[in-house]
C-alpha atoms as a PDB file:
ATOM      1  CA  UNK A   1       3.832  -7.255 -35.701  1.00  0.00           C
ATOM      2  CA  UNK A   2       6.112  -6.406 -33.331  1.00  0.00           C
ATOM      3  CA  UNK A   3       5.634  -3.524 -31.040  1.00  0.00           C
ATOM      4  CA  UNK A   4       8.421  -0.805 -30.381  1.00  0.00           C
ATOM      5  CA  UNK A   5      10.302  -1.172 -27.002  1.00  0.00           C
ATOM      6  CA  UNK A   6       8.050   1.695 -25.438  1.00  0.00           C
ATOM      7  CA  UNK A   7       4.368   0.909 -26.432  1.00  0.00           C
ATOM      8  CA  UNK A   8       4.053  -2.146 -24.177  1.00  0.00           C
ATOM      9  CA  UNK A   9       4.925  -0.114 -21.419  1.00  0.00           C
ATOM     10  CA  UNK A  10       2.550   2.928 -22.683  1.00  0.00           C
ATOM     11  CA  UNK A  11      -0.717   0.510 -23.146  1.00  0.00           C
ATOM     12  CA  UNK A  12       0.002  -0.831 -19.759  1.00  0.00           C
ATOM     13  CA  UNK A  13       0.130   2.469 -18.074  1.00  0.00           C
ATOM     14  CA  UNK A  14      -2.984   3.811 -20.137  1.00  0.00           C
ATOM     15  CA  UNK A  15      -4.863   0.535 -19.168  1.00  0.00           C
ATOM     16  CA  UNK A  16      -3.770   0.813 -15.601  1.00  0.00           C
ATOM     17  CA  UNK A  17      -4.725   4.765 -15.554  1.00  0.00           C
ATOM     18  CA  UNK A  18      -8.580   3.575 -17.112  1.00  0.00           C
ATOM     19  CA  UNK A  19      -9.043   1.885 -13.912  1.00  0.00           C
ATOM     20  CA  UNK A  20      -7.046   3.682 -11.140  1.00  0.00           C
ATOM     21  CA  UNK A  21      -7.749   7.014 -12.498  1.00  0.00           C
ATOM     22  CA  UNK A  22      -4.253   8.285 -11.105  1.00  0.00           C
ATOM     23  CA  UNK A  23      -1.283   8.603 -13.576  1.00  0.00           C
ATOM     24  CA  UNK A  24       1.101   8.156 -10.667  1.00  0.00           C
ATOM     25  CA  UNK A  25      -0.509   4.891  -9.410  1.00  0.00           C
ATOM     26  CA  UNK A  26      -0.971   3.629 -13.058  1.00  0.00           C
ATOM     27  CA  UNK A  27       2.712   4.329 -13.839  1.00  0.00           C
ATOM     28  CA  UNK A  28       4.292   2.752 -10.765  1.00  0.00           C
ATOM     29  CA  UNK A  29       1.848  -0.374 -11.589  1.00  0.00           C
ATOM     30  CA  UNK A  30       3.171  -0.757 -14.955  1.00  0.00           C
ATOM     31  CA  UNK A  31       6.795  -0.136 -14.140  1.00  0.00           C
ATOM     32  CA  UNK A  32       6.722  -2.324 -11.133  1.00  0.00           C
ATOM     33  CA  UNK A  33       5.286  -5.755 -11.262  1.00  0.00           C
ATOM     34  CA  UNK A  34       4.035  -5.691 -14.600  1.00  0.00           C
ATOM     35  CA  UNK A  35       7.619  -5.037 -16.090  1.00  0.00           C
ATOM     36  CA  UNK A  36       9.391  -7.305 -14.027  1.00  0.00           C
ATOM     37  CA  UNK A  37       6.889 -10.332 -15.216  1.00  0.00           C
ATOM     38  CA  UNK A  38       7.317  -8.869 -19.068  1.00  0.00           C
ATOM     39  CA  UNK A  39      11.257  -9.332 -18.551  1.00  0.00           C
ATOM     40  CA  UNK A  40      10.767 -12.811 -17.130  1.00  0.00           C
ATOM     41  CA  UNK A  41       8.820 -14.367 -20.011  1.00  0.00           C
ATOM     42  CA  UNK A  42      10.466 -12.291 -22.858  1.00  0.00           C
ATOM     43  CA  UNK A  43      12.949 -14.858 -23.184  1.00  0.00           C
ATOM     44  CA  UNK A  44      10.914 -17.672 -23.872  1.00  0.00           C
ATOM     45  CA  UNK A  45       8.693 -15.649 -26.577  1.00  0.00           C
ATOM     46  CA  UNK A  46      10.826 -17.093 -29.321  1.00  0.00           C
ATOM     47  CA  UNK A  47      10.001 -20.904 -28.059  1.00  0.00           C
ATOM     48  CA  UNK A  48       6.633 -19.653 -28.333  1.00  0.00           C
ATOM     49  CA  UNK A  49       3.837 -22.181 -30.437  1.00  0.00           C
ATOM     50  CA  UNK A  50       1.456 -19.235 -30.494  1.00  0.00           C
ATOM     51  CA  UNK A  51       1.539 -15.502 -30.198  1.00  0.00           C
ATOM     52  CA  UNK A  52      -1.600 -13.651 -29.568  1.00  0.00           C
ATOM     53  CA  UNK A  53      -1.120  -9.821 -31.351  1.00  0.00           C
ATOM     54  CA  UNK A  54      -3.173  -7.137 -29.888  1.00  0.00           C
ATOM     55  CA  UNK A  55      -6.388  -5.997 -31.554  1.00  0.00           C
ATOM     56  CA  UNK A  56      -7.901  -2.957 -30.283  1.00  0.00           C
ATOM     57  CA  UNK A  57     -11.413  -3.322 -28.794  1.00  0.00           C
ATOM     58  CA  UNK A  58     -14.312  -2.570 -30.635  1.00  0.00           C
ATOM     59  CA  UNK A  59     -16.596  -2.105 -27.077  1.00  0.00           C
ATOM     60  CA  UNK A  60     -14.917  -0.359 -24.411  1.00  0.00           C
ATOM     61  CA  UNK A  61     -14.108  -2.006 -21.087  1.00  0.00           C
ATOM     62  CA  UNK A  62     -17.144  -2.364 -18.684  1.00  0.00           C
ATOM     63  CA  UNK A  63     -17.933   0.895 -16.808  1.00  0.00           C
ATOM     64  CA  UNK A  64     -16.205   3.089 -19.563  1.00  0.00           C
END
């Protein structure tokens, strides 16, 4: 399943916000280093021999 172009950023921001508790910091982290890393590895996705798809967790993250 392919995600639409905005969904990965939304998920990253939400994950950072769960830990940082601050929306501005979460957005900054998601659009900074995380997004740069995603752009760096994206071209290699077509050569991947294994792609792990996201499955929503049944159990909340520790402390939440």
